[in-house]
Amino acid sequence: MNQEIEIEFKNLLSKDEYQTLLTEYSIKRDDIVLQQNHYFDTMSFALKDNGAALRIRYKKMTYTLTLKQPLPEGLLETHQTLTDREAADMLNGGPLVKGDIYKIIKNLNINPSEIRYLGTLETNRVELPYENGILVFDHSSYLNVEDYELEYEAKDYNEGKIQFEKFLTKHDIPTRQTDNKIKRFFNEKKRQLEGS
């Protein structure tokens, strides 16, 4: 089973703050990589209610199915590589592919046959090495929403928190309570479903 613990810090940015960071770090158009996250849940958001999230990410010509589950120090990510056909089947309403993630979802007492494709979030991403971690500038589009975000991926929670707070202070960016992309996507999806 391919699993890892993700430790990251996030802060939403204004469009101006985002543009300023791109300029300050001399980011060129070729440095920005498009990635697509296709999100899944039951129609009653059973995964979300368990603090979990399921996505297929298409990046570097590969489809990866990832289940994220909360841990005290970050997120436990379980990854499963998909063939082009498996990914296409799921994106076209087919069933969840069997494997480790299928078994974990069953163990959460969620019926895997109820998992549905709910939509796609596209992110233009820049990744830079920074202070023993990775600094990320993201511009995301989903469900007629656009947002800008700063992320810092660290190996150690305490060191990462210090470095992230220093970065925000250095660039005069106020700390903003920031949900992860999956949660922002699902909150918007739920809002739209309730509004219709």
N, C-alpha and C. Protein backbone atom coordinates (compact mmCIF):
# COMPACT_ATOMS: atom_id res chain seq x y z
N MET A 1 0.85 -1.18 0.00
CA MET A 1 0.00 0.00 0.00
C MET A 1 0.89 1.24 0.00
N ASN A 2 0.60 2.17 -0.90
CA ASN A 2 1.39 3.40 -1.02
C ASN A 2 0.75 4.49 -0.17
N GLN A 3 1.36 4.78 1.00
CA GLN A 3 0.82 5.79 1.90
C GLN A 3 1.90 6.76 2.33
N GLU A 4 1.48 7.99 2.64
CA GLU A 4 2.40 8.99 3.18
C GLU A 4 1.63 9.96 4.06
N ILE A 5 2.34 10.61 4.98
CA ILE A 5 1.74 11.66 5.80
C ILE A 5 2.12 13.00 5.18
N GLU A 6 1.10 13.80 4.90
CA GLU A 6 1.31 15.11 4.29
C GLU A 6 1.21 16.16 5.39
N ILE A 7 2.28 16.97 5.52
CA ILE A 7 2.28 18.08 6.47
C ILE A 7 2.38 19.35 5.64
N GLU A 8 1.33 20.14 5.63
CA GLU A 8 1.37 21.37 4.85
C GLU A 8 0.60 22.48 5.54
N PHE A 9 1.01 23.69 5.24
CA PHE A 9 0.41 24.89 5.79
C PHE A 9 -0.15 25.69 4.63
N LYS A 10 -1.31 26.32 4.82
CA LYS A 10 -2.01 26.99 3.72
C LYS A 10 -2.44 28.38 4.13
N ASN A 11 -2.51 29.25 3.14
CA ASN A 11 -3.03 30.59 3.36
C ASN A 11 -3.59 31.11 2.04
N LEU A 12 -4.86 31.49 2.06
CA LEU A 12 -5.42 32.10 0.86
C LEU A 12 -4.73 33.44 0.59
N LEU A 13 -4.61 33.77 -0.67
CA LEU A 13 -3.98 35.02 -1.10
C LEU A 13 -4.98 35.84 -1.90
N SER A 14 -4.78 37.15 -1.90
CA SER A 14 -5.50 37.98 -2.86
C SER A 14 -4.82 37.81 -4.22
N LYS A 15 -5.50 38.21 -5.27
CA LYS A 15 -4.89 38.13 -6.60
C LYS A 15 -3.63 38.99 -6.65
N ASP A 16 -3.66 40.16 -6.02
CA ASP A 16 -2.48 41.05 -6.00
C ASP A 16 -1.31 40.41 -5.26
N GLU A 17 -1.58 39.78 -4.11
CA GLU A 17 -0.52 39.10 -3.35
C GLU A 17 0.09 37.99 -4.19
N TYR A 18 -0.75 37.22 -4.86
CA TYR A 18 -0.29 36.13 -5.72
C TYR A 18 0.61 36.66 -6.84
N GLN A 19 0.15 37.70 -7.53
CA GLN A 19 0.93 38.29 -8.63
C GLN A 19 2.27 38.85 -8.12
N THR A 20 2.24 39.46 -6.95
CA THR A 20 3.47 40.01 -6.36
C THR A 20 4.49 38.89 -6.08
N LEU A 21 4.02 37.77 -5.55
CA LEU A 21 4.91 36.64 -5.27
C LEU A 21 5.50 36.08 -6.56
N LEU A 22 4.67 35.95 -7.61
CA LEU A 22 5.19 35.46 -8.89
C LEU A 22 6.29 36.37 -9.42
N THR A 23 6.08 37.67 -9.28
CA THR A 23 7.08 38.64 -9.75
C THR A 23 8.33 38.57 -8.89
N GLU A 24 8.15 38.57 -7.58
CA GLU A 24 9.29 38.58 -6.65
C GLU A 24 10.17 37.34 -6.81
N TYR A 25 9.56 36.20 -7.13
CA TYR A 25 10.32 34.97 -7.28
C TYR A 25 10.63 34.65 -8.75
N SER A 26 10.46 35.65 -9.61
CA SER A 26 10.82 35.57 -11.04
C SER A 26 10.20 34.34 -11.72
N ILE A 27 8.93 34.11 -11.47
CA ILE A 27 8.24 32.97 -12.06
C ILE A 27 7.85 33.31 -13.50
N LYS A 28 8.23 32.41 -14.40
CA LYS A 28 7.88 32.57 -15.81
C LYS A 28 6.71 31.64 -16.14
N ARG A 29 6.03 31.92 -17.23
CA ARG A 29 4.88 31.12 -17.65
C ARG A 29 5.23 29.62 -17.72
N ASP A 30 6.44 29.31 -18.20
CA ASP A 30 6.88 27.91 -18.32
C ASP A 30 7.07 27.22 -16.97
N ASP A 31 7.18 28.01 -15.89
CA ASP A 31 7.35 27.44 -14.55
C ASP A 31 6.03 26.97 -13.95
N ILE A 32 4.92 27.37 -14.57
CA ILE A 32 3.60 27.07 -14.04
C ILE A 32 3.07 25.79 -14.69
N VAL A 33 2.67 24.84 -13.84
CA VAL A 33 2.21 23.53 -14.31
C VAL A 33 0.72 23.39 -14.01
N LEU A 34 -0.04 22.95 -15.01
CA LEU A 34 -1.47 22.70 -14.82
C LEU A 34 -1.67 21.30 -14.25
N GLN A 35 -2.45 21.21 -13.18
CA GLN A 35 -2.84 19.90 -12.68
C GLN A 35 -4.35 19.90 -12.47
N GLN A 36 -4.94 18.73 -12.68
CA GLN A 36 -6.38 18.59 -12.55
C GLN A 36 -6.69 17.62 -11.41
N ASN A 37 -7.57 18.05 -10.52
CA ASN A 37 -8.07 17.18 -9.46
C ASN A 37 -9.54 16.92 -9.72
N HIS A 38 -9.90 15.65 -9.86
CA HIS A 38 -11.28 15.24 -10.07
C HIS A 38 -11.78 14.66 -8.75
N TYR A 39 -12.84 15.25 -8.19
CA TYR A 39 -13.29 14.90 -6.85
C TYR A 39 -14.50 13.98 -6.85
N PHE A 40 -14.52 13.10 -5.84
CA PHE A 40 -15.55 12.09 -5.70
C PHE A 40 -16.06 12.06 -4.26
N ASP A 41 -17.32 11.73 -4.09
CA ASP A 41 -17.91 11.49 -2.78
C ASP A 41 -19.27 10.86 -3.04
N THR A 42 -19.99 10.51 -1.99
CA THR A 42 -21.38 10.09 -2.16
C THR A 42 -22.22 11.36 -2.30
N MET A 43 -23.44 11.22 -2.74
CA MET A 43 -24.30 12.39 -2.88
C MET A 43 -24.65 12.99 -1.52
N SER A 44 -24.49 12.22 -0.44
CA SER A 44 -24.74 12.75 0.91
C SER A 44 -23.44 13.19 1.59
N PHE A 45 -22.34 13.20 0.82
CA PHE A 45 -21.02 13.64 1.32
C PHE A 45 -20.54 12.80 2.52
N ALA A 46 -20.67 11.49 2.41
CA ALA A 46 -20.26 10.59 3.50
C ALA A 46 -18.75 10.65 3.76
N LEU A 47 -17.94 10.76 2.70
CA LEU A 47 -16.49 10.87 2.92
C LEU A 47 -16.17 12.17 3.65
N LYS A 48 -16.73 13.26 3.17
CA LYS A 48 -16.51 14.57 3.79
C LYS A 48 -16.91 14.54 5.26
N ASP A 49 -18.04 13.91 5.56
CA ASP A 49 -18.51 13.82 6.95
C ASP A 49 -17.55 13.02 7.83
N ASN A 50 -16.73 12.16 7.22
CA ASN A 50 -15.71 11.40 7.95
C ASN A 50 -14.36 12.13 7.94
N GLY A 51 -14.34 13.36 7.43
CA GLY A 51 -13.10 14.12 7.35
C GLY A 51 -12.19 13.65 6.23
N ALA A 52 -12.71 12.77 5.37
CA ALA A 52 -11.90 12.19 4.30
C ALA A 52 -12.26 12.83 2.96
N ALA A 53 -11.40 12.61 1.97
CA ALA A 53 -11.65 13.14 0.63
C ALA A 53 -11.00 12.21 -0.39
N LEU A 54 -11.63 12.11 -1.56
CA LEU A 54 -11.17 11.22 -2.61
C LEU A 54 -11.04 11.99 -3.91
N ARG A 55 -9.89 11.81 -4.57
CA ARG A 55 -9.69 12.51 -5.84
C ARG A 55 -8.90 11.62 -6.79
N ILE A 56 -9.04 11.94 -8.08
CA ILE A 56 -8.11 11.47 -9.09
C ILE A 56 -7.35 12.70 -9.54
N ARG A 57 -6.03 12.63 -9.50
CA ARG A 57 -5.20 13.73 -10.00
C ARG A 57 -4.51 13.28 -11.28
N TYR A 58 -4.62 14.14 -12.29
CA TYR A 58 -3.89 13.90 -13.53
C TYR A 58 -2.71 14.85 -13.54
N LYS A 59 -1.51 14.27 -13.54
CA LYS A 59 -0.29 15.07 -13.49
C LYS A 59 0.82 14.27 -14.15
N LYS A 60 1.56 14.92 -15.01
CA LYS A 60 2.68 14.29 -15.71
C LYS A 60 2.26 12.99 -16.41
N MET A 61 1.14 13.06 -17.11
CA MET A 61 0.65 11.95 -17.93
C MET A 61 0.24 10.71 -17.12
N THR A 62 -0.03 10.90 -15.81
CA THR A 62 -0.40 9.77 -14.95
C THR A 62 -1.64 10.12 -14.14
N TYR A 63 -2.53 9.14 -13.99
CA TYR A 63 -3.70 9.28 -13.13
C TYR A 63 -3.43 8.60 -11.80
N THR A 64 -3.64 9.33 -10.70
CA THR A 64 -3.45 8.76 -9.37
C THR A 64 -4.71 8.99 -8.55
N LEU A 65 -5.26 7.91 -8.01
CA LEU A 65 -6.40 7.98 -7.11
C LEU A 65 -5.83 8.15 -5.70
N THR A 66 -6.30 9.17 -4.98
CA THR A 66 -5.79 9.45 -3.63
C THR A 66 -6.94 9.62 -2.66
N LEU A 67 -6.85 8.91 -1.53
CA LEU A 67 -7.78 9.09 -0.42
C LEU A 67 -7.02 9.82 0.68
N LYS A 68 -7.57 10.95 1.14
CA LYS A 68 -6.96 11.71 2.23
C LYS A 68 -7.82 11.52 3.48
N GLN A 69 -7.12 11.20 4.60
CA GLN A 69 -7.80 11.02 5.88
C GLN A 69 -7.07 11.82 6.95
N PRO A 70 -7.81 12.41 7.88
CA PRO A 70 -7.18 13.28 8.87
C PRO A 70 -6.35 12.51 9.90
N LEU A 71 -5.23 13.13 10.27
CA LEU A 71 -4.37 12.68 11.37
C LEU A 71 -4.09 13.90 12.24
N PRO A 72 -3.71 13.72 13.49
CA PRO A 72 -3.43 14.89 14.34
C PRO A 72 -2.35 15.81 13.77
N GLU A 73 -1.34 15.24 13.09
CA GLU A 73 -0.22 16.05 12.60
C GLU A 73 -0.28 16.35 11.11
N GLY A 74 -1.37 16.00 10.46
CA GLY A 74 -1.46 16.25 9.02
C GLY A 74 -2.54 15.39 8.40
N LEU A 75 -2.26 14.89 7.20
CA LEU A 75 -3.21 14.04 6.49
C LEU A 75 -2.52 12.75 6.07
N LEU A 76 -3.22 11.64 6.22
CA LEU A 76 -2.73 10.37 5.70
C LEU A 76 -3.25 10.25 4.28
N GLU A 77 -2.33 10.12 3.34
CA GLU A 77 -2.70 9.97 1.95
C GLU A 77 -2.42 8.54 1.50
N THR A 78 -3.43 7.90 0.91
CA THR A 78 -3.26 6.58 0.32
C THR A 78 -3.39 6.77 -1.19
N HIS A 79 -2.38 6.31 -1.93
CA HIS A 79 -2.32 6.51 -3.38
C HIS A 79 -2.46 5.19 -4.12
N GLN A 80 -3.11 5.26 -5.27
CA GLN A 80 -3.29 4.09 -6.12
C GLN A 80 -3.21 4.58 -7.57
N THR A 81 -2.26 4.07 -8.33
CA THR A 81 -2.12 4.45 -9.75
C THR A 81 -3.23 3.81 -10.55
N LEU A 82 -3.83 4.59 -11.46
CA LEU A 82 -4.90 4.11 -12.31
C LEU A 82 -4.44 4.06 -13.77
N THR A 83 -4.98 3.12 -14.51
CA THR A 83 -4.76 3.14 -15.96
C THR A 83 -5.63 4.25 -16.54
N ASP A 84 -5.34 4.64 -17.77
CA ASP A 84 -6.16 5.66 -18.44
C ASP A 84 -7.62 5.20 -18.49
N ARG A 85 -7.83 3.93 -18.76
CA ARG A 85 -9.19 3.39 -18.87
C ARG A 85 -9.92 3.42 -17.53
N GLU A 86 -9.23 3.01 -16.44
CA GLU A 86 -9.85 3.03 -15.11
C GLU A 86 -10.28 4.45 -14.75
N ALA A 87 -9.39 5.41 -15.00
CA ALA A 87 -9.71 6.82 -14.69
C ALA A 87 -10.89 7.29 -15.52
N ALA A 88 -10.86 7.00 -16.82
CA ALA A 88 -11.95 7.41 -17.71
C ALA A 88 -13.27 6.79 -17.26
N ASP A 89 -13.26 5.52 -16.88
CA ASP A 89 -14.48 4.86 -16.42
C ASP A 89 -15.06 5.56 -15.19
N MET A 90 -14.20 5.86 -14.21
CA MET A 90 -14.68 6.53 -13.00
C MET A 90 -15.21 7.93 -13.32
N LEU A 91 -14.52 8.65 -14.20
CA LEU A 91 -14.95 10.01 -14.55
C LEU A 91 -16.24 10.01 -15.36
N ASN A 92 -16.57 8.89 -15.96
CA ASN A 92 -17.80 8.78 -16.75
C ASN A 92 -18.90 8.05 -15.99
N GLY A 93 -18.80 8.03 -14.67
CA GLY A 93 -19.88 7.47 -13.85
C GLY A 93 -19.72 6.02 -13.48
N GLY A 94 -18.59 5.42 -13.84
CA GLY A 94 -18.35 4.03 -13.49
C GLY A 94 -18.03 3.86 -12.01
N PRO A 95 -17.91 2.61 -11.58
CA PRO A 95 -17.68 2.34 -10.16
C PRO A 95 -16.25 2.68 -9.70
N LEU A 96 -16.11 2.82 -8.39
CA LEU A 96 -14.79 3.00 -7.78
C LEU A 96 -13.95 1.77 -8.08
N VAL A 97 -12.72 2.00 -8.52
CA VAL A 97 -11.80 0.91 -8.85
C VAL A 97 -11.49 0.14 -7.57
N LYS A 98 -11.47 -1.19 -7.67
CA LYS A 98 -11.15 -2.00 -6.50
C LYS A 98 -9.66 -1.93 -6.20
N GLY A 99 -9.33 -2.05 -4.92
CA GLY A 99 -7.94 -1.98 -4.47
C GLY A 99 -7.92 -1.51 -3.03
N ASP A 100 -6.76 -1.00 -2.60
CA ASP A 100 -6.59 -0.57 -1.20
C ASP A 100 -7.59 0.51 -0.80
N ILE A 101 -7.82 1.49 -1.68
CA ILE A 101 -8.71 2.60 -1.34
C ILE A 101 -10.15 2.10 -1.21
N TYR A 102 -10.56 1.23 -2.08
CA TYR A 102 -11.89 0.61 -2.02
C TYR A 102 -12.09 -0.03 -0.64
N LYS A 103 -11.07 -0.80 -0.19
CA LYS A 103 -11.16 -1.50 1.10
C LYS A 103 -11.24 -0.51 2.26
N ILE A 104 -10.44 0.56 2.21
CA ILE A 104 -10.46 1.56 3.29
C ILE A 104 -11.84 2.22 3.37
N ILE A 105 -12.41 2.57 2.22
CA ILE A 105 -13.73 3.20 2.19
C ILE A 105 -14.78 2.26 2.77
N LYS A 106 -14.71 0.97 2.44
CA LYS A 106 -15.64 -0.01 3.03
C LYS A 106 -15.47 -0.05 4.55
N ASN A 107 -14.20 0.04 5.02
CA ASN A 107 -13.94 0.01 6.47
C ASN A 107 -14.45 1.27 7.18
N LEU A 108 -14.71 2.34 6.41
CA LEU A 108 -15.32 3.56 6.98
C LEU A 108 -16.85 3.43 7.02
N ASN A 109 -17.35 2.22 6.67
CA ASN A 109 -18.79 1.95 6.60
C ASN A 109 -19.49 2.82 5.55
N ILE A 110 -18.77 3.07 4.46
CA ILE A 110 -19.33 3.79 3.31
C ILE A 110 -19.40 2.79 2.17
N ASN A 111 -20.53 2.75 1.51
CA ASN A 111 -20.72 1.83 0.39
C ASN A 111 -19.97 2.37 -0.83
N PRO A 112 -18.91 1.67 -1.28
CA PRO A 112 -18.13 2.16 -2.43
C PRO A 112 -18.97 2.36 -3.70
N SER A 113 -20.08 1.62 -3.83
CA SER A 113 -20.91 1.76 -5.04
C SER A 113 -21.65 3.09 -5.06
N GLU A 114 -21.67 3.81 -3.93
CA GLU A 114 -22.34 5.12 -3.87
C GLU A 114 -21.40 6.27 -4.22
N ILE A 115 -20.11 5.97 -4.43
CA ILE A 115 -19.14 7.02 -4.77
C ILE A 115 -19.44 7.54 -6.17
N ARG A 116 -19.51 8.88 -6.31
CA ARG A 116 -19.84 9.54 -7.57
C ARG A 116 -18.81 10.64 -7.88
N TYR A 117 -18.60 10.86 -9.16
CA TYR A 117 -17.78 11.99 -9.63
C TYR A 117 -18.60 13.26 -9.43
N LEU A 118 -18.00 14.27 -8.76
CA LEU A 118 -18.72 15.50 -8.47
C LEU A 118 -18.19 16.73 -9.20
N GLY A 119 -16.99 16.65 -9.76
CA GLY A 119 -16.48 17.81 -10.50
C GLY A 119 -14.96 17.88 -10.45
N THR A 120 -14.45 18.89 -11.14
CA THR A 120 -13.00 19.04 -11.32
C THR A 120 -12.53 20.40 -10.83
N LEU A 121 -11.37 20.40 -10.19
CA LEU A 121 -10.68 21.62 -9.80
C LEU A 121 -9.36 21.65 -10.57
N GLU A 122 -9.13 22.72 -11.30
CA GLU A 122 -7.88 22.88 -12.05
C GLU A 122 -7.00 23.89 -11.32
N THR A 123 -5.73 23.55 -11.20
CA THR A 123 -4.78 24.42 -10.51
C THR A 123 -3.58 24.68 -11.40
N ASN A 124 -3.24 25.96 -11.54
CA ASN A 124 -1.97 26.37 -12.13
C ASN A 124 -1.00 26.49 -10.96
N ARG A 125 0.01 25.63 -10.92
CA ARG A 125 0.87 25.48 -9.74
C ARG A 125 2.33 25.78 -10.05
N VAL A 126 2.95 26.45 -9.07
CA VAL A 126 4.40 26.69 -9.07
C VAL A 126 4.94 26.08 -7.78
N GLU A 127 6.00 25.26 -7.89
CA GLU A 127 6.64 24.68 -6.72
C GLU A 127 8.09 25.12 -6.68
N LEU A 128 8.52 25.58 -5.49
CA LEU A 128 9.90 26.05 -5.30
C LEU A 128 10.48 25.44 -4.03
N PRO A 129 11.74 24.99 -4.06
CA PRO A 129 12.36 24.57 -2.80
C PRO A 129 12.51 25.80 -1.89
N TYR A 130 12.22 25.61 -0.60
CA TYR A 130 12.29 26.73 0.33
C TYR A 130 12.48 26.20 1.75
N GLU A 131 13.57 26.59 2.39
CA GLU A 131 13.81 26.31 3.81
C GLU A 131 13.46 24.87 4.21
N ASN A 132 14.07 23.90 3.55
CA ASN A 132 13.88 22.50 3.92
C ASN A 132 12.49 21.96 3.59
N GLY A 133 11.78 22.65 2.72
CA GLY A 133 10.45 22.20 2.33
C GLY A 133 10.16 22.65 0.90
N ILE A 134 8.89 22.70 0.56
CA ILE A 134 8.48 23.13 -0.78
C ILE A 134 7.42 24.22 -0.64
N LEU A 135 7.69 25.34 -1.29
CA LEU A 135 6.77 26.46 -1.33
C LEU A 135 5.93 26.33 -2.59
N VAL A 136 4.62 26.55 -2.47
CA VAL A 136 3.71 26.36 -3.60
C VAL A 136 2.83 27.59 -3.77
N PHE A 137 2.77 28.09 -5.01
CA PHE A 137 1.85 29.17 -5.36
C PHE A 137 0.79 28.57 -6.28
N ASP A 138 -0.48 28.66 -5.90
CA ASP A 138 -1.57 28.04 -6.66
C ASP A 138 -2.62 29.06 -7.09
N HIS A 139 -3.09 28.91 -8.31
CA HIS A 139 -4.26 29.63 -8.82
C HIS A 139 -5.24 28.56 -9.26
N SER A 140 -6.37 28.44 -8.57
CA SER A 140 -7.31 27.36 -8.82
C SER A 140 -8.64 27.87 -9.36
N SER A 141 -9.26 27.03 -10.20
CA SER A 141 -10.58 27.31 -10.76
C SER A 141 -11.45 26.08 -10.58
N TYR A 142 -12.68 26.30 -10.07
CA TYR A 142 -13.61 25.20 -9.84
C TYR A 142 -15.01 25.76 -9.64
N LEU A 143 -16.00 25.11 -10.26
CA LEU A 143 -17.41 25.45 -10.03
C LEU A 143 -17.68 26.95 -10.13
N ASN A 144 -17.09 27.60 -11.13
CA ASN A 144 -17.23 29.05 -11.36
C ASN A 144 -16.61 29.91 -10.26
N VAL A 145 -15.65 29.34 -9.54
CA VAL A 145 -14.92 30.07 -8.49
C VAL A 145 -13.45 30.08 -8.88
N GLU A 146 -12.76 31.17 -8.55
CA GLU A 146 -11.30 31.25 -8.69
C GLU A 146 -10.72 31.64 -7.35
N ASP A 147 -9.59 31.02 -6.97
CA ASP A 147 -8.91 31.49 -5.78
C ASP A 147 -7.40 31.32 -5.92
N TYR A 148 -6.69 31.96 -5.02
CA TYR A 148 -5.23 31.99 -5.02
C TYR A 148 -4.77 31.54 -3.64
N GLU A 149 -3.68 30.76 -3.61
CA GLU A 149 -3.29 30.13 -2.35
C GLU A 149 -1.78 29.95 -2.28
N LEU A 150 -1.29 30.08 -1.07
CA LEU A 150 0.10 29.79 -0.75
C LEU A 150 0.11 28.53 0.10
N GLU A 151 0.98 27.57 -0.25
CA GLU A 151 1.14 26.37 0.55
C GLU A 151 2.62 26.20 0.89
N TYR A 152 2.89 25.59 2.02
CA TYR A 152 4.25 25.21 2.38
C TYR A 152 4.22 23.77 2.85
N GLU A 153 4.88 22.88 2.12
CA GLU A 153 4.95 21.47 2.47
C GLU A 153 6.24 21.23 3.25
N ALA A 154 6.10 20.64 4.43
CA ALA A 154 7.25 20.46 5.33
C ALA A 154 7.38 19.00 5.73
N LYS A 155 8.56 18.67 6.21
CA LYS A 155 8.80 17.31 6.72
C LYS A 155 8.48 17.22 8.20
N ASP A 156 8.57 18.36 8.89
CA ASP A 156 8.34 18.40 10.34
C ASP A 156 7.32 19.50 10.63
N TYR A 157 6.31 19.18 11.43
CA TYR A 157 5.23 20.13 11.69
C TYR A 157 5.73 21.42 12.35
N ASN A 158 6.49 21.28 13.44
CA ASN A 158 6.91 22.47 14.19
C ASN A 158 7.83 23.37 13.36
N GLU A 159 8.81 22.78 12.70
CA GLU A 159 9.72 23.57 11.86
C GLU A 159 8.94 24.22 10.71
N GLY A 160 8.03 23.47 10.11
CA GLY A 160 7.23 23.99 9.00
C GLY A 160 6.39 25.17 9.42
N LYS A 161 5.78 25.08 10.58
CA LYS A 161 4.93 26.18 11.08
C LYS A 161 5.75 27.45 11.26
N ILE A 162 6.95 27.31 11.82
CA ILE A 162 7.83 28.47 12.03
C ILE A 162 8.20 29.09 10.69
N GLN A 163 8.63 28.27 9.73
CA GLN A 163 9.06 28.79 8.42
C GLN A 163 7.90 29.45 7.68
N PHE A 164 6.71 28.85 7.77
CA PHE A 164 5.55 29.40 7.08
C PHE A 164 5.16 30.76 7.67
N GLU A 165 5.14 30.85 8.98
CA GLU A 165 4.79 32.12 9.62
C GLU A 165 5.82 33.20 9.31
N LYS A 166 7.10 32.83 9.26
CA LYS A 166 8.15 33.78 8.88
C LYS A 166 7.93 34.29 7.46
N PHE A 167 7.56 33.37 6.55
CA PHE A 167 7.33 33.75 5.15
C PHE A 167 6.18 34.75 5.06
N LEU A 168 5.07 34.47 5.75
CA LEU A 168 3.93 35.39 5.73
C LEU A 168 4.32 36.76 6.26
N THR A 169 5.06 36.79 7.36
CA THR A 169 5.49 38.05 7.95
C THR A 169 6.41 38.80 6.99
N LYS A 170 7.38 38.10 6.42
CA LYS A 170 8.34 38.72 5.50
C LYS A 170 7.64 39.39 4.32
N HIS A 171 6.56 38.77 3.85
CA HIS A 171 5.87 39.29 2.66
C HIS A 171 4.62 40.09 3.01
N ASP A 172 4.45 40.36 4.31
CA ASP A 172 3.35 41.20 4.78
C ASP A 172 1.99 40.66 4.33
N ILE A 173 1.84 39.33 4.44
CA ILE A 173 0.59 38.67 4.07
C ILE A 173 -0.14 38.30 5.37
N PRO A 174 -1.38 38.79 5.55
CA PRO A 174 -2.10 38.43 6.79
C PRO A 174 -2.45 36.94 6.83
N THR A 175 -2.44 36.38 8.02
CA THR A 175 -2.84 34.99 8.21
C THR A 175 -4.35 34.89 8.00
N ARG A 176 -4.75 33.95 7.16
CA ARG A 176 -6.17 33.74 6.88
C ARG A 176 -6.50 32.27 7.13
N GLN A 177 -7.60 32.02 7.84
CA GLN A 177 -8.06 30.66 8.02
C GLN A 177 -8.34 30.08 6.64
N THR A 178 -7.68 28.96 6.28
CA THR A 178 -7.77 28.42 4.92
C THR A 178 -8.07 26.94 4.95
N ASP A 179 -9.21 26.57 4.39
CA ASP A 179 -9.52 25.16 4.21
C ASP A 179 -8.72 24.63 3.04
N ASN A 180 -8.49 23.30 3.00
CA ASN A 180 -7.79 22.74 1.85
C ASN A 180 -8.69 22.78 0.61
N LYS A 181 -8.10 22.55 -0.55
CA LYS A 181 -8.82 22.67 -1.82
C LYS A 181 -10.04 21.77 -1.87
N ILE A 182 -9.88 20.55 -1.39
CA ILE A 182 -10.99 19.60 -1.43
C ILE A 182 -12.17 20.15 -0.63
N LYS A 183 -11.89 20.67 0.55
CA LYS A 183 -12.96 21.19 1.39
C LYS A 183 -13.60 22.42 0.75
N ARG A 184 -12.78 23.30 0.16
CA ARG A 184 -13.35 24.48 -0.52
C ARG A 184 -14.24 24.03 -1.68
N PHE A 185 -13.77 23.04 -2.44
CA PHE A 185 -14.55 22.51 -3.56
C PHE A 185 -15.89 21.96 -3.06
N PHE A 186 -15.84 21.10 -2.03
CA PHE A 186 -17.07 20.47 -1.56
C PHE A 186 -18.02 21.47 -0.90
N ASN A 187 -17.48 22.45 -0.19
CA ASN A 187 -18.35 23.48 0.39
C ASN A 187 -19.10 24.23 -0.71
N GLU A 188 -18.39 24.54 -1.80
CA GLU A 188 -19.03 25.24 -2.92
C GLU A 188 -20.04 24.33 -3.61
N LYS A 189 -19.68 23.06 -3.81
CA LYS A 189 -20.59 22.11 -4.45
C LYS A 189 -21.87 21.97 -3.63
N LYS A 190 -21.71 21.84 -2.32
CA LYS A 190 -22.86 21.70 -1.43
C LYS A 190 -23.72 22.96 -1.47
N ARG A 191 -23.07 24.12 -1.48
CA ARG A 191 -23.80 25.39 -1.55
C ARG A 191 -24.61 25.46 -2.83
N GLN A 192 -24.00 25.05 -3.95
CA GLN A 192 -24.70 25.08 -5.23
C GLN A 192 -25.85 24.08 -5.27
N LEU A 193 -25.65 22.89 -4.72
CA LEU A 193 -26.72 21.88 -4.70
C LEU A 193 -27.89 22.34 -3.84
N GLU A 194 -27.59 22.99 -2.70
CA GLU A 194 -28.66 23.46 -1.82
C GLU A 194 -29.39 24.65 -2.43
N GLY A 195 -28.69 25.40 -3.29
CA GLY A 195 -29.29 26.56 -3.92
C GLY A 195 -30.15 26.23 -5.11
N SER A 196 -30.03 24.98 -5.61
CA SER A 196 -30.79 24.63 -6.84
C SER A 196 -32.13 24.01 -6.53
